[in-house]
Amino acid sequence: MRRKLRAGVIGVGAFGSLHARIYAELKRTDLVAVADIQAERVQYFASHYGVRGYTDYNDLLVKEDLDIVSVCTSDELHLKPVLAAAVSGKHVLVEKPLAMSVSDCDEMIRAAGKAGVKLMVGHILRFDPRYYAARQAIADGQIGVPVHLVARRNNLITSAERLGKHSTVLFFLGIHDIDFMNWCVGGKVKRVYAESVSRVLKDIKTADSYLALIKFQNGTIASLEVSWVLPLSFSGRLDARFEAVGTEGTIFVDGSGQAVEIYREDKGTSPDVMYAPEIRGRCAGILRDEIIHFVECIQQDREPAVTGQDGKAAVEVACAIAESLEKQQPVYV
């Protein structure tokens, strides 16, 4: 019987708290410690799970004997904890995006390679059965050669209010679909052109929405729509769609996750049944599947489904889209 992997989580906000819970509940892992710059979060999770807590992730890495570390800090703060974890010999699962610059991606990939540890990026759509089925159909040739792809991912304005000072909707949401389209096409992007608008979020100084046209080296074209200004009255958490048109067929995916809708006199809600739903007191769903996959890759010495290079490829496209906005012209990747 394999020994349990000792796990730590750096950043226990919205998603990091789920990583911590899953490590604590899995039979293959022990949650040993958490770190966060907010002391009250550290105190809560340390007490709740009976683990040690730190306000400095360096202390966690030095003082704890860990096998695996999840880095779940805000998007722009991935580099230093990933480098520190890799240098200290820990396998690293970093939430998407890998980084917000290509140079940061390169540093992380080099550090993990030099240390001989595994680096995986949390592109969760690769574990979503809806998107996985679509990609598998494309890979099996069921729709022939892809002609064009369409991806949409729109979110509530609360995400922008919470994260707009740390990231952009392109990196927070768009990176999901960029990685997924890269995976479907199986080739590199050649050129992008993008536009954005900022009317709702002017005070935060970030774009409301991005629209981008993408051309792959093999000739496939794609469009990307991302926004985080949906009104609070929207019953679901997300409006997401994917479409692939091929030479011999087409695929449509409803990625919104609104499989269950509950309406009362005052409001409507749609509980999460995909990403991290609670079933019989435990965290289930595709985030759990993603973490289990990474644990198995460590125990069986296999390459993760989403490598550092995969994460970098998505970041390269996102950076090119941002550059296209700045220059107001097409940008070659």
C-alpha atoms as a PDB file:
ATOM      1  CA  MET A   1       0.000   0.000   0.000  1.00  0.00           C
ATOM      2  CA  ARG A   2       1.400   3.383  -1.001  1.00  0.00           C
ATOM      3  CA  ARG A   3       1.972   5.836   1.819  1.00  0.00           C
ATOM      4  CA  LYS A   4      -0.139   8.922   1.916  1.00  0.00           C
ATOM      5  CA  LEU A   5       1.279  12.064   0.364  1.00  0.00           C
ATOM      6  CA  ARG A   6       1.757  14.946   2.771  1.00  0.00           C
ATOM      7  CA  ALA A   7       0.105  18.045   1.313  1.00  0.00           C
ATOM      8  CA  GLY A   8       0.211  21.772   1.919  1.00  0.00           C
ATOM      9  CA  VAL A   9      -1.806  24.616   0.409  1.00  0.00           C
ATOM     10  CA  ILE A  10      -0.491  28.126  -0.205  1.00  0.00           C
ATOM     11  CA  GLY A  11      -3.389  30.564  -0.447  1.00  0.00           C
ATOM     12  CA  VAL A  12      -6.654  29.405   1.135  1.00  0.00           C
ATOM     13  CA  GLY A  13      -9.132  31.731  -0.536  1.00  0.00           C
ATOM     14  CA  ALA A  14     -12.109  30.548  -2.583  1.00  0.00           C
ATOM     15  CA  PHE A  15     -10.327  27.756  -4.500  1.00  0.00           C
ATOM     16  CA  GLY A  16      -7.458  27.140  -2.108  1.00  0.00           C
ATOM     17  CA  SER A  17      -9.949  26.304   0.623  1.00  0.00           C
ATOM     18  CA  LEU A  18     -11.361  23.589  -1.647  1.00  0.00           C
ATOM     19  CA  HIS A  19      -7.868  22.192  -2.309  1.00  0.00           C
ATOM     20  CA  ALA A  20      -7.318  22.035   1.451  1.00  0.00           C
ATOM     21  CA  ARG A  21     -10.626  20.290   2.047  1.00  0.00           C
ATOM     22  CA  ILE A  22     -10.010  17.720  -0.684  1.00  0.00           C
ATOM     23  CA  TYR A  23      -6.505  16.885   0.570  1.00  0.00           C
ATOM     24  CA  ALA A  24      -7.977  16.460   4.056  1.00  0.00           C
ATOM     25  CA  GLU A  25     -10.710  14.119   2.791  1.00  0.00           C
ATOM     26  CA  LEU A  26      -8.768  11.958   0.325  1.00  0.00           C
ATOM     27  CA  LYS A  27      -7.518   8.581   1.507  1.00  0.00           C
ATOM     28  CA  ARG A  28      -4.308   9.079  -0.482  1.00  0.00           C
ATOM     29  CA  THR A  29      -3.261  12.365   1.126  1.00  0.00           C
ATOM     30  CA  ASP A  30      -2.858  14.047   4.501  1.00  0.00           C
ATOM     31  CA  LEU A  31      -3.360  17.789   4.741  1.00  0.00           C
ATOM     32  CA  VAL A  32      -0.414  18.884   6.904  1.00  0.00           C
ATOM     33  CA  ALA A  33      -0.313  22.686   6.719  1.00  0.00           C
ATOM     34  CA  VAL A  34      -1.761  25.792   5.077  1.00  0.00           C
ATOM     35  CA  ALA A  35      -0.370  29.272   4.433  1.00  0.00           C
ATOM     36  CA  ASP A  36      -2.066  32.574   3.690  1.00  0.00           C
ATOM     37  CA  ILE A  37      -1.225  36.239   4.186  1.00  0.00           C
ATOM     38  CA  GLN A  38      -4.511  36.695   6.063  1.00  0.00           C
ATOM     39  CA  ALA A  39      -4.005  35.482   9.621  1.00  0.00           C
ATOM     40  CA  GLU A  40      -7.706  34.886  10.268  1.00  0.00           C
ATOM     41  CA  ARG A  41      -7.895  32.471   7.348  1.00  0.00           C
ATOM     42  CA  VAL A  42      -4.832  30.627   8.596  1.00  0.00           C
ATOM     43  CA  GLN A  43      -6.280  30.385  12.077  1.00  0.00           C
ATOM     44  CA  TYR A  44      -9.620  29.085  10.805  1.00  0.00           C
ATOM     45  CA  PHE A  45      -8.198  26.355   8.559  1.00  0.00           C
ATOM     46  CA  ALA A  46      -5.530  25.312  11.047  1.00  0.00           C
ATOM     47  CA  SER A  47      -8.215  24.913  13.707  1.00  0.00           C
ATOM     48  CA  HIS A  48     -10.825  23.353  11.415  1.00  0.00           C
ATOM     49  CA  TYR A  49      -8.538  20.642  10.023  1.00  0.00           C
ATOM     50  CA  GLY A  50      -6.162  20.280  12.953  1.00  0.00           C
ATOM     51  CA  VAL A  51      -3.136  21.293  10.862  1.00  0.00           C
ATOM     52  CA  ARG A  52      -0.368  23.871  11.215  1.00  0.00           C
ATOM     53  CA  GLY A  53      -0.808  27.311   9.716  1.00  0.00           C
ATOM     54  CA  TYR A  54       1.597  29.988   8.508  1.00  0.00           C
ATOM     55  CA  THR A  55       1.295  33.559   7.294  1.00  0.00           C
ATOM     56  CA  ASP A  56       4.567  33.154   5.374  1.00  0.00           C
ATOM     57  CA  TYR A  57       4.628  30.315   2.833  1.00  0.00           C
ATOM     58  CA  ASN A  58       8.422  30.112   3.148  1.00  0.00           C
ATOM     59  CA  ASP A  59       7.989  28.940   6.739  1.00  0.00           C
ATOM     60  CA  LEU A  60       5.575  26.263   5.549  1.00  0.00           C
ATOM     61  CA  LEU A  61       8.072  25.025   2.962  1.00  0.00           C
ATOM     62  CA  VAL A  62      11.041  25.030   5.354  1.00  0.00           C
ATOM     63  CA  LYS A  63       9.383  23.639   8.471  1.00  0.00           C
ATOM     64  CA  GLU A  64       7.071  21.018   6.974  1.00  0.00           C
ATOM     65  CA  ASP A  65       8.014  17.699   5.373  1.00  0.00           C
ATOM     66  CA  LEU A  66       5.703  17.878   2.355  1.00  0.00           C
ATOM     67  CA  ASP A  67       5.378  15.875  -0.856  1.00  0.00           C
ATOM     68  CA  ILE A  68       2.877  18.066  -2.670  1.00  0.00           C
ATOM     69  CA  VAL A  69       1.920  21.741  -2.595  1.00  0.00           C
ATOM     70  CA  SER A  70      -1.042  23.495  -4.173  1.00  0.00           C
ATOM     71  CA  VAL A  71      -0.370  27.132  -5.029  1.00  0.00           C
ATOM     72  CA  CYS A  72      -3.700  28.968  -5.033  1.00  0.00           C
ATOM     73  CA  THR A  73      -2.645  32.587  -4.570  1.00  0.00           C
ATOM     74  CA  SER A  74      -4.097  35.316  -6.784  1.00  0.00           C
ATOM     75  CA  ASP A  75      -3.135  35.118 -10.465  1.00  0.00           C
ATOM     76  CA  GLU A  76      -0.284  37.620 -10.380  1.00  0.00           C
ATOM     77  CA  LEU A  77       1.411  36.023  -7.355  1.00  0.00           C
ATOM     78  CA  HIS A  78       2.137  32.489  -8.541  1.00  0.00           C
ATOM     79  CA  LEU A  79       5.807  32.844  -9.435  1.00  0.00           C
ATOM     80  CA  LYS A  80       7.584  33.101  -6.079  1.00  0.00           C
ATOM     81  CA  PRO A  81       5.694  30.358  -4.194  1.00  0.00           C
ATOM     82  CA  VAL A  82       5.963  27.981  -7.153  1.00  0.00           C
ATOM     83  CA  LEU A  83       9.708  28.580  -7.419  1.00  0.00           C
ATOM     84  CA  ALA A  84      10.167  28.194  -3.664  1.00  0.00           C
ATOM     85  CA  ALA A  85       8.137  24.978  -3.586  1.00  0.00           C
ATOM     86  CA  ALA A  86      10.029  23.480  -6.525  1.00  0.00           C
ATOM     87  CA  VAL A  87      13.450  24.404  -5.110  1.00  0.00           C
ATOM     88  CA  SER A  88      12.485  22.750  -1.817  1.00  0.00           C
ATOM     89  CA  GLY A  89      11.667  19.523  -3.658  1.00  0.00           C
ATOM     90  CA  LYS A  90       7.871  19.623  -3.564  1.00  0.00           C
ATOM     91  CA  HIS A  91       5.634  18.592  -6.457  1.00  0.00           C
ATOM     92  CA  VAL A  92       3.474  21.580  -7.402  1.00  0.00           C
ATOM     93  CA  LEU A  93      -0.122  21.918  -8.519  1.00  0.00           C
ATOM     94  CA  VAL A  94      -0.688  25.571  -9.410  1.00  0.00           C
ATOM     95  CA  GLU A  95      -4.096  27.016 -10.096  1.00  0.00           C
ATOM     96  CA  LYS A  96      -4.635  28.482 -13.559  1.00  0.00           C
ATOM     97  CA  PRO A  97      -3.256  30.604 -15.084  1.00  0.00           C
ATOM     98  CA  LEU A  98       0.280  29.350 -14.642  1.00  0.00           C
ATOM     99  CA  ALA A  99       1.355  33.004 -14.681  1.00  0.00           C
ATOM    100  CA  MET A 100       0.510  36.331 -16.282  1.00  0.00           C
ATOM    101  CA  SER A 101       3.699  36.524 -18.342  1.00  0.00           C
ATOM    102  CA  VAL A 102       5.568  34.055 -20.514  1.00  0.00           C
ATOM    103  CA  SER A 103       8.859  34.778 -18.731  1.00  0.00           C
ATOM    104  CA  ASP A 104       7.335  33.762 -15.383  1.00  0.00           C
ATOM    105  CA  CYS A 105       6.112  30.520 -16.974  1.00  0.00           C
ATOM    106  CA  ASP A 106       9.615  29.783 -18.232  1.00  0.00           C
ATOM    107  CA  GLU A 107      11.100  30.331 -14.776  1.00  0.00           C
ATOM    108  CA  MET A 108       8.652  27.906 -13.170  1.00  0.00           C
ATOM    109  CA  ILE A 109       9.162  25.246 -15.816  1.00  0.00           C
ATOM    110  CA  ARG A 110      12.957  25.497 -15.487  1.00  0.00           C
ATOM    111  CA  ALA A 111      12.803  25.356 -11.685  1.00  0.00           C
ATOM    112  CA  ALA A 112      10.598  22.269 -11.669  1.00  0.00           C
ATOM    113  CA  GLY A 113      12.768  20.553 -14.253  1.00  0.00           C
ATOM    114  CA  LYS A 114      15.983  21.327 -12.390  1.00  0.00           C
ATOM    115  CA  ALA A 115      14.524  20.085  -9.095  1.00  0.00           C
ATOM    116  CA  GLY A 116      13.069  16.963 -10.690  1.00  0.00           C
ATOM    117  CA  VAL A 117       9.550  17.649  -9.414  1.00  0.00           C
ATOM    118  CA  LYS A 118       6.249  17.512 -11.242  1.00  0.00           C
ATOM    119  CA  LEU A 119       4.471  20.734 -12.184  1.00  0.00           C
ATOM    120  CA  MET A 120       0.799  20.672 -13.121  1.00  0.00           C
ATOM    121  CA  VAL A 121      -1.527  23.551 -13.987  1.00  0.00           C
ATOM    122  CA  GLY A 122      -5.134  23.462 -12.808  1.00  0.00           C
ATOM    123  CA  HIS A 123      -6.897  23.799 -16.148  1.00  0.00           C
ATOM    124  CA  ILE A 124     -10.039  22.164 -14.860  1.00  0.00           C
ATOM    125  CA  LEU A 125     -11.914  21.900 -18.176  1.00  0.00           C
ATOM    126  CA  ARG A 126      -9.652  18.973 -19.029  1.00  0.00           C
ATOM    127  CA  PHE A 127     -11.405  17.084 -16.220  1.00  0.00           C
ATOM    128  CA  ASP A 128     -14.925  18.318 -16.974  1.00  0.00           C
ATOM    129  CA  PRO A 129     -16.829  15.363 -18.523  1.00  0.00           C
ATOM    130  CA  ARG A 130     -18.751  17.694 -20.856  1.00  0.00           C
ATOM    131  CA  TYR A 131     -15.639  19.297 -22.324  1.00  0.00           C
ATOM    132  CA  TYR A 132     -13.655  16.055 -22.169  1.00  0.00           C
ATOM    133  CA  ALA A 133     -16.326  14.301 -24.279  1.00  0.00           C
ATOM    134  CA  ALA A 134     -16.210  17.107 -26.845  1.00  0.00           C
ATOM    135  CA  ARG A 135     -12.441  17.011 -27.104  1.00  0.00           C
ATOM    136  CA  GLN A 136     -12.456  13.212 -27.353  1.00  0.00           C
ATOM    137  CA  ALA A 137     -14.966  13.362 -30.217  1.00  0.00           C
ATOM    138  CA  ILE A 138     -12.689  15.817 -32.028  1.00  0.00           C
ATOM    139  CA  ALA A 139      -9.597  13.676 -31.358  1.00  0.00           C
ATOM    140  CA  ASP A 140     -11.449  10.584 -32.646  1.00  0.00           C
ATOM    141  CA  GLY A 141     -12.292  12.378 -35.880  1.00  0.00           C
ATOM    142  CA  GLN A 142     -16.043  12.260 -35.314  1.00  0.00           C
ATOM    143  CA  ILE A 143     -16.556  15.721 -36.833  1.00  0.00           C
ATOM    144  CA  GLY A 144     -13.710  15.502 -39.326  1.00  0.00           C
ATOM    145  CA  VAL A 145     -11.163  18.305 -39.322  1.00  0.00           C
ATOM    146  CA  PRO A 146     -12.111  21.295 -37.129  1.00  0.00           C
ATOM    147  CA  VAL A 147     -13.098  24.308 -39.229  1.00  0.00           C
ATOM    148  CA  HIS A 148     -13.915  26.779 -36.476  1.00  0.00           C
ATOM    149  CA  LEU A 149     -14.372  26.885 -32.697  1.00  0.00           C
ATOM    150  CA  VAL A 150     -16.460  29.247 -30.580  1.00  0.00           C
ATOM    151  CA  ALA A 151     -15.988  29.647 -26.812  1.00  0.00           C
ATOM    152  CA  ARG A 152     -17.930  31.847 -24.401  1.00  0.00           C
ATOM    153  CA  ARG A 153     -17.416  32.246 -20.643  1.00  0.00           C
ATOM    154  CA  ASN A 154     -19.259  35.040 -18.834  1.00  0.00           C
ATOM    155  CA  ASN A 155     -19.301  35.494 -15.065  1.00  0.00           C
ATOM    156  CA  LEU A 156     -21.059  37.503 -12.370  1.00  0.00           C
ATOM    157  CA  ILE A 157     -19.840  41.001 -11.576  1.00  0.00           C
ATOM    158  CA  THR A 158     -18.918  39.866  -8.063  1.00  0.00           C
ATOM    159  CA  SER A 159     -15.870  38.098  -9.542  1.00  0.00           C
ATOM    160  CA  ALA A 160     -14.671  41.375 -11.059  1.00  0.00           C
ATOM    161  CA  GLU A 161     -15.252  43.238  -7.807  1.00  0.00           C
ATOM    162  CA  ARG A 162     -13.270  40.600  -5.908  1.00  0.00           C
ATOM    163  CA  LEU A 163     -10.436  40.013  -8.367  1.00  0.00           C
ATOM    164  CA  GLY A 164     -10.302  42.934 -10.794  1.00  0.00           C
ATOM    165  CA  LYS A 165      -7.347  44.546  -9.031  1.00  0.00           C
ATOM    166  CA  HIS A 166      -5.321  41.341  -9.225  1.00  0.00           C
ATOM    167  CA  SER A 167      -6.116  39.916 -12.666  1.00  0.00           C
ATOM    168  CA  THR A 168      -8.184  40.462 -15.802  1.00  0.00           C
ATOM    169  CA  VAL A 169     -11.168  38.557 -17.125  1.00  0.00           C
ATOM    170  CA  LEU A 170      -8.882  37.322 -19.905  1.00  0.00           C
ATOM    171  CA  PHE A 171      -6.574  35.536 -17.438  1.00  0.00           C
ATOM    172  CA  PHE A 172      -9.234  34.673 -14.854  1.00  0.00           C
ATOM    173  CA  LEU A 173     -11.806  33.212 -17.265  1.00  0.00           C
ATOM    174  CA  GLY A 174     -10.503  33.296 -20.832  1.00  0.00           C
ATOM    175  CA  ILE A 175      -7.469  31.169 -20.034  1.00  0.00           C
ATOM    176  CA  HIS A 176      -9.813  28.201 -19.469  1.00  0.00           C
ATOM    177  CA  ASP A 177     -11.069  28.249 -23.038  1.00  0.00           C
ATOM    178  CA  ILE A 178      -7.718  29.173 -24.556  1.00  0.00           C
ATOM    179  CA  ASP A 179      -6.187  26.036 -23.045  1.00  0.00           C
ATOM    180  CA  PHE A 180      -9.184  23.950 -24.055  1.00  0.00           C
ATOM    181  CA  MET A 181      -9.066  25.128 -27.678  1.00  0.00           C
ATOM    182  CA  ASN A 182      -5.301  24.510 -27.771  1.00  0.00           C
ATOM    183  CA  TRP A 183      -6.021  20.975 -26.557  1.00  0.00           C
ATOM    184  CA  CYS A 184      -8.764  20.410 -29.138  1.00  0.00           C
ATOM    185  CA  VAL A 185      -6.734  21.664 -32.084  1.00  0.00           C
ATOM    186  CA  GLY A 186      -3.505  20.032 -30.928  1.00  0.00           C
ATOM    187  CA  GLY A 187      -1.394  22.764 -32.453  1.00  0.00           C
ATOM    188  CA  LYS A 188      -0.096  26.228 -31.841  1.00  0.00           C
ATOM    189  CA  VAL A 189      -1.820  29.553 -32.370  1.00  0.00           C
ATOM    190  CA  LYS A 190      -0.484  31.641 -35.250  1.00  0.00           C
ATOM    191  CA  ARG A 191      -2.236  35.009 -34.868  1.00  0.00           C
ATOM    192  CA  VAL A 192      -4.775  36.816 -32.662  1.00  0.00           C
ATOM    193  CA  TYR A 193      -6.807  40.000 -32.855  1.00  0.00           C
ATOM    194  CA  ALA A 194      -8.820  41.362 -29.939  1.00  0.00           C
ATOM    195  CA  GLU A 195     -11.076  44.141 -28.708  1.00  0.00           C
ATOM    196  CA  SER A 196     -12.273  45.013 -25.210  1.00  0.00           C
ATOM    197  CA  VAL A 197     -14.634  47.462 -23.544  1.00  0.00           C
ATOM    198  CA  SER A 198     -14.755  48.994 -20.065  1.00  0.00           C
ATOM    199  CA  ARG A 199     -18.022  50.663 -19.094  1.00  0.00           C
ATOM    200  CA  VAL A 200     -19.168  48.919 -15.935  1.00  0.00           C
ATOM    201  CA  LEU A 201     -15.773  48.453 -14.278  1.00  0.00           C
ATOM    202  CA  LYS A 202     -14.202  51.839 -15.007  1.00  0.00           C
ATOM    203  CA  ASP A 203     -13.548  52.489 -11.310  1.00  0.00           C
ATOM    204  CA  ILE A 204     -11.622  49.207 -11.010  1.00  0.00           C
ATOM    205  CA  LYS A 205      -9.749  50.098 -14.206  1.00  0.00           C
ATOM    206  CA  THR A 206     -10.223  46.735 -15.831  1.00  0.00           C
ATOM    207  CA  ALA A 207     -12.078  45.571 -18.929  1.00  0.00           C
ATOM    208  CA  ASP A 208     -15.665  44.338 -18.713  1.00  0.00           C
ATOM    209  CA  SER A 209     -15.379  42.042 -21.723  1.00  0.00           C
ATOM    210  CA  TYR A 210     -12.946  40.740 -24.327  1.00  0.00           C
ATOM    211  CA  LEU A 211     -13.698  39.446 -27.810  1.00  0.00           C
ATOM    212  CA  ALA A 212     -10.852  37.794 -29.687  1.00  0.00           C
ATOM    213  CA  LEU A 213     -10.319  36.117 -33.037  1.00  0.00           C
ATOM    214  CA  ILE A 214      -7.711  33.366 -33.065  1.00  0.00           C
ATOM    215  CA  LYS A 215      -6.082  31.607 -35.999  1.00  0.00           C
ATOM    216  CA  PHE A 216      -4.162  28.377 -35.479  1.00  0.00           C
ATOM    217  CA  GLN A 217      -1.156  27.339 -37.531  1.00  0.00           C
ATOM    218  CA  ASN A 218      -3.143  24.485 -39.091  1.00  0.00           C
ATOM    219  CA  GLY A 219      -5.757  26.938 -40.416  1.00  0.00           C
ATOM    220  CA  THR A 220      -8.503  26.407 -37.821  1.00  0.00           C
ATOM    221  CA  ILE A 221     -10.065  29.680 -36.677  1.00  0.00           C
ATOM    222  CA  ALA A 222     -11.708  30.415 -33.331  1.00  0.00           C
ATOM    223  CA  SER A 223     -13.538  33.127 -31.454  1.00  0.00           C
ATOM    224  CA  LEU A 224     -13.348  33.822 -27.725  1.00  0.00           C
ATOM    225  CA  GLU A 225     -15.868  35.821 -25.679  1.00  0.00           C
ATOM    226  CA  VAL A 226     -15.249  36.477 -21.980  1.00  0.00           C
ATOM    227  CA  SER A 227     -16.932  38.879 -19.590  1.00  0.00           C
ATOM    228  CA  TRP A 228     -17.399  39.328 -15.850  1.00  0.00           C
ATOM    229  CA  VAL A 229     -20.193  41.881 -15.630  1.00  0.00           C
ATOM    230  CA  LEU A 230     -23.269  39.641 -15.559  1.00  0.00           C
ATOM    231  CA  PRO A 231     -25.833  41.129 -13.133  1.00  0.00           C
ATOM    232  CA  LEU A 232     -26.449  39.604  -9.717  1.00  0.00           C
ATOM    233  CA  SER A 233     -29.982  38.742 -10.843  1.00  0.00           C
ATOM    234  CA  PHE A 234     -28.511  36.063 -13.143  1.00  0.00           C
ATOM    235  CA  SER A 235     -29.588  32.793 -11.506  1.00  0.00           C
ATOM    236  CA  GLY A 236     -26.434  30.820 -12.303  1.00  0.00           C
ATOM    237  CA  ARG A 237     -22.802  31.443 -11.522  1.00  0.00           C
ATOM    238  CA  LEU A 238     -21.642  31.183 -15.114  1.00  0.00           C
ATOM    239  CA  ASP A 239     -22.775  31.435 -18.726  1.00  0.00           C
ATOM    240  CA  ALA A 240     -20.456  29.195 -20.715  1.00  0.00           C
ATOM    241  CA  ARG A 241     -20.748  27.603 -24.159  1.00  0.00           C
ATOM    242  CA  PHE A 242     -18.454  25.823 -26.593  1.00  0.00           C
ATOM    243  CA  GLU A 243     -19.021  24.969 -30.236  1.00  0.00           C
ATOM    244  CA  ALA A 244     -16.873  23.119 -32.740  1.00  0.00           C
ATOM    245  CA  VAL A 245     -17.732  22.951 -36.431  1.00  0.00           C
ATOM    246  CA  GLY A 246     -15.823  20.410 -38.483  1.00  0.00           C
ATOM    247  CA  THR A 247     -15.696  19.172 -42.049  1.00  0.00           C
ATOM    248  CA  GLU A 248     -18.010  16.270 -41.155  1.00  0.00           C
ATOM    249  CA  GLY A 249     -20.058  17.416 -38.174  1.00  0.00           C
ATOM    250  CA  THR A 250     -20.451  19.747 -35.202  1.00  0.00           C
ATOM    251  CA  ILE A 251     -20.366  19.686 -31.397  1.00  0.00           C
ATOM    252  CA  PHE A 252     -22.164  21.887 -28.889  1.00  0.00           C
ATOM    253  CA  VAL A 253     -21.338  22.031 -25.172  1.00  0.00           C
ATOM    254  CA  ASP A 254     -23.379  23.753 -22.474  1.00  0.00           C
ATOM    255  CA  GLY A 255     -20.709  24.533 -19.897  1.00  0.00           C
ATOM    256  CA  SER A 256     -22.838  26.685 -17.630  1.00  0.00           C
ATOM    257  CA  GLY A 257     -23.384  24.016 -15.012  1.00  0.00           C
ATOM    258  CA  GLN A 258     -26.994  24.998 -14.413  1.00  0.00           C
ATOM    259  CA  ALA A 259     -28.246  21.428 -14.254  1.00  0.00           C
ATOM    260  CA  VAL A 260     -30.273  22.205 -11.131  1.00  0.00           C
ATOM    261  CA  GLU A 261     -32.307  25.398 -10.861  1.00  0.00           C
ATOM    262  CA  ILE A 262     -34.130  26.434  -7.691  1.00  0.00           C
ATOM    263  CA  TYR A 263     -36.616  29.311  -7.695  1.00  0.00           C
ATOM    264  CA  ARG A 264     -38.221  31.042  -4.738  1.00  0.00           C
ATOM    265  CA  GLU A 265     -40.371  34.145  -4.507  1.00  0.00           C
ATOM    266  CA  ASP A 266     -37.407  36.425  -3.984  1.00  0.00           C
ATOM    267  CA  LYS A 267     -34.729  34.860  -6.204  1.00  0.00           C
ATOM    268  CA  GLY A 268     -33.494  31.982  -8.311  1.00  0.00           C
ATOM    269  CA  THR A 269     -30.333  29.962  -7.674  1.00  0.00           C
ATOM    270  CA  SER A 270     -28.365  27.245  -9.398  1.00  0.00           C
ATOM    271  CA  PRO A 271     -26.168  25.221  -7.008  1.00  0.00           C
ATOM    272  CA  ASP A 272     -22.795  23.897  -8.120  1.00  0.00           C
ATOM    273  CA  VAL A 273     -23.113  20.298  -9.237  1.00  0.00           C
ATOM    274  CA  MET A 274     -19.880  20.072 -11.246  1.00  0.00           C
ATOM    275  CA  TYR A 275     -16.814  21.770  -9.822  1.00  0.00           C
ATOM    276  CA  ALA A 276     -16.922  21.033  -6.094  1.00  0.00           C
ATOM    277  CA  PRO A 277     -20.393  19.983  -4.928  1.00  0.00           C
ATOM    278  CA  GLU A 278     -20.857  18.519  -1.484  1.00  0.00           C
ATOM    279  CA  ILE A 279     -22.217  14.972  -1.512  1.00  0.00           C
ATOM    280  CA  ARG A 280     -22.846  13.164   1.774  1.00  0.00           C
ATOM    281  CA  GLY A 281     -20.634  15.588   3.632  1.00  0.00           C
ATOM    282  CA  ARG A 282     -17.644  15.330   1.295  1.00  0.00           C
ATOM    283  CA  CYS A 283     -16.339  17.463  -1.555  1.00  0.00           C
ATOM    284  CA  ALA A 284     -16.953  15.753  -4.903  1.00  0.00           C
ATOM    285  CA  GLY A 285     -16.728  16.926  -8.498  1.00  0.00           C
ATOM    286  CA  ILE A 286     -14.094  17.686 -11.100  1.00  0.00           C
ATOM    287  CA  LEU A 287     -11.693  19.600  -8.847  1.00  0.00           C
ATOM    288  CA  ARG A 288     -11.415  16.480  -6.712  1.00  0.00           C
ATOM    289  CA  ASP A 289     -10.795  14.419  -9.869  1.00  0.00           C
ATOM    290  CA  GLU A 290      -8.075  16.857 -10.942  1.00  0.00           C
ATOM    291  CA  ILE A 291      -6.279  16.601  -7.599  1.00  0.00           C
ATOM    292  CA  ILE A 292      -6.588  12.804  -7.540  1.00  0.00           C
ATOM    293  CA  HIS A 293      -5.027  12.717 -11.001  1.00  0.00           C
ATOM    294  CA  PHE A 294      -2.023  14.744  -9.831  1.00  0.00           C
ATOM    295  CA  VAL A 295      -1.601  12.553  -6.760  1.00  0.00           C
ATOM    296  CA  GLU A 296      -1.617   9.446  -8.995  1.00  0.00           C
ATOM    297  CA  CYS A 297       0.947  11.044 -11.305  1.00  0.00           C
ATOM    298  CA  ILE A 298       3.278  11.516  -8.334  1.00  0.00           C
ATOM    299  CA  GLN A 299       2.718   8.019  -6.944  1.00  0.00           C
ATOM    300  CA  GLN A 300       3.053   6.333 -10.346  1.00  0.00           C
ATOM    301  CA  ASP A 301       5.698   8.699 -11.771  1.00  0.00           C
ATOM    302  CA  ARG A 302       3.547   9.735 -14.750  1.00  0.00           C
ATOM    303  CA  GLU A 303       3.386  13.035 -16.624  1.00  0.00           C
ATOM    304  CA  PRO A 304       0.406  15.177 -15.576  1.00  0.00           C
ATOM    305  CA  ALA A 305      -2.438  15.811 -18.016  1.00  0.00           C
ATOM    306  CA  VAL A 306      -1.694  19.545 -17.973  1.00  0.00           C
ATOM    307  CA  THR A 307       2.043  20.221 -17.967  1.00  0.00           C
ATOM    308  CA  GLY A 308       3.880  23.448 -17.395  1.00  0.00           C
ATOM    309  CA  GLN A 309       4.360  23.688 -21.158  1.00  0.00           C
ATOM    310  CA  ASP A 310       0.594  23.402 -21.655  1.00  0.00           C
ATOM    311  CA  GLY A 311       0.052  26.173 -19.134  1.00  0.00           C
ATOM    312  CA  LYS A 312       2.663  28.315 -20.860  1.00  0.00           C
ATOM    313  CA  ALA A 313       1.019  27.797 -24.270  1.00  0.00           C
ATOM    314  CA  ALA A 314      -2.258  29.217 -22.927  1.00  0.00           C
ATOM    315  CA  VAL A 315      -0.457  32.160 -21.321  1.00  0.00           C
ATOM    316  CA  GLU A 316       1.333  32.917 -24.606  1.00  0.00           C
ATOM    317  CA  VAL A 317      -2.030  33.305 -26.345  1.00  0.00           C
ATOM    318  CA  ALA A 318      -3.521  35.390 -23.543  1.00  0.00           C
ATOM    319  CA  CYS A 319      -0.498  37.705 -23.583  1.00  0.00           C
ATOM    320  CA  ALA A 320      -0.776  38.030 -27.355  1.00  0.00           C
ATOM    321  CA  ILE A 321      -4.455  38.988 -26.989  1.00  0.00           C
ATOM    322  CA  ALA A 322      -3.522  41.636 -24.420  1.00  0.00           C
ATOM    323  CA  GLU A 323      -0.798  42.929 -26.776  1.00  0.00           C
ATOM    324  CA  SER A 324      -3.276  43.068 -29.648  1.00  0.00           C
ATOM    325  CA  LEU A 325      -5.548  45.263 -27.534  1.00  0.00           C
ATOM    326  CA  GLU A 326      -2.684  47.583 -26.697  1.00  0.00           C
ATOM    327  CA  LYS A 327      -1.461  47.862 -30.289  1.00  0.00           C
ATOM    328  CA  GLN A 328      -4.934  47.707 -31.865  1.00  0.00           C
ATOM    329  CA  GLN A 329      -3.699  45.320 -34.504  1.00  0.00           C
ATOM    330  CA  PRO A 330      -3.253  41.591 -35.090  1.00  0.00           C
ATOM    331  CA  VAL A 331      -0.389  39.992 -33.172  1.00  0.00           C
ATOM    332  CA  TYR A 332       1.560  36.900 -34.197  1.00  0.00           C
ATOM    333  CA  VAL A 333       2.263  34.395 -31.427  1.00  0.00           C
END
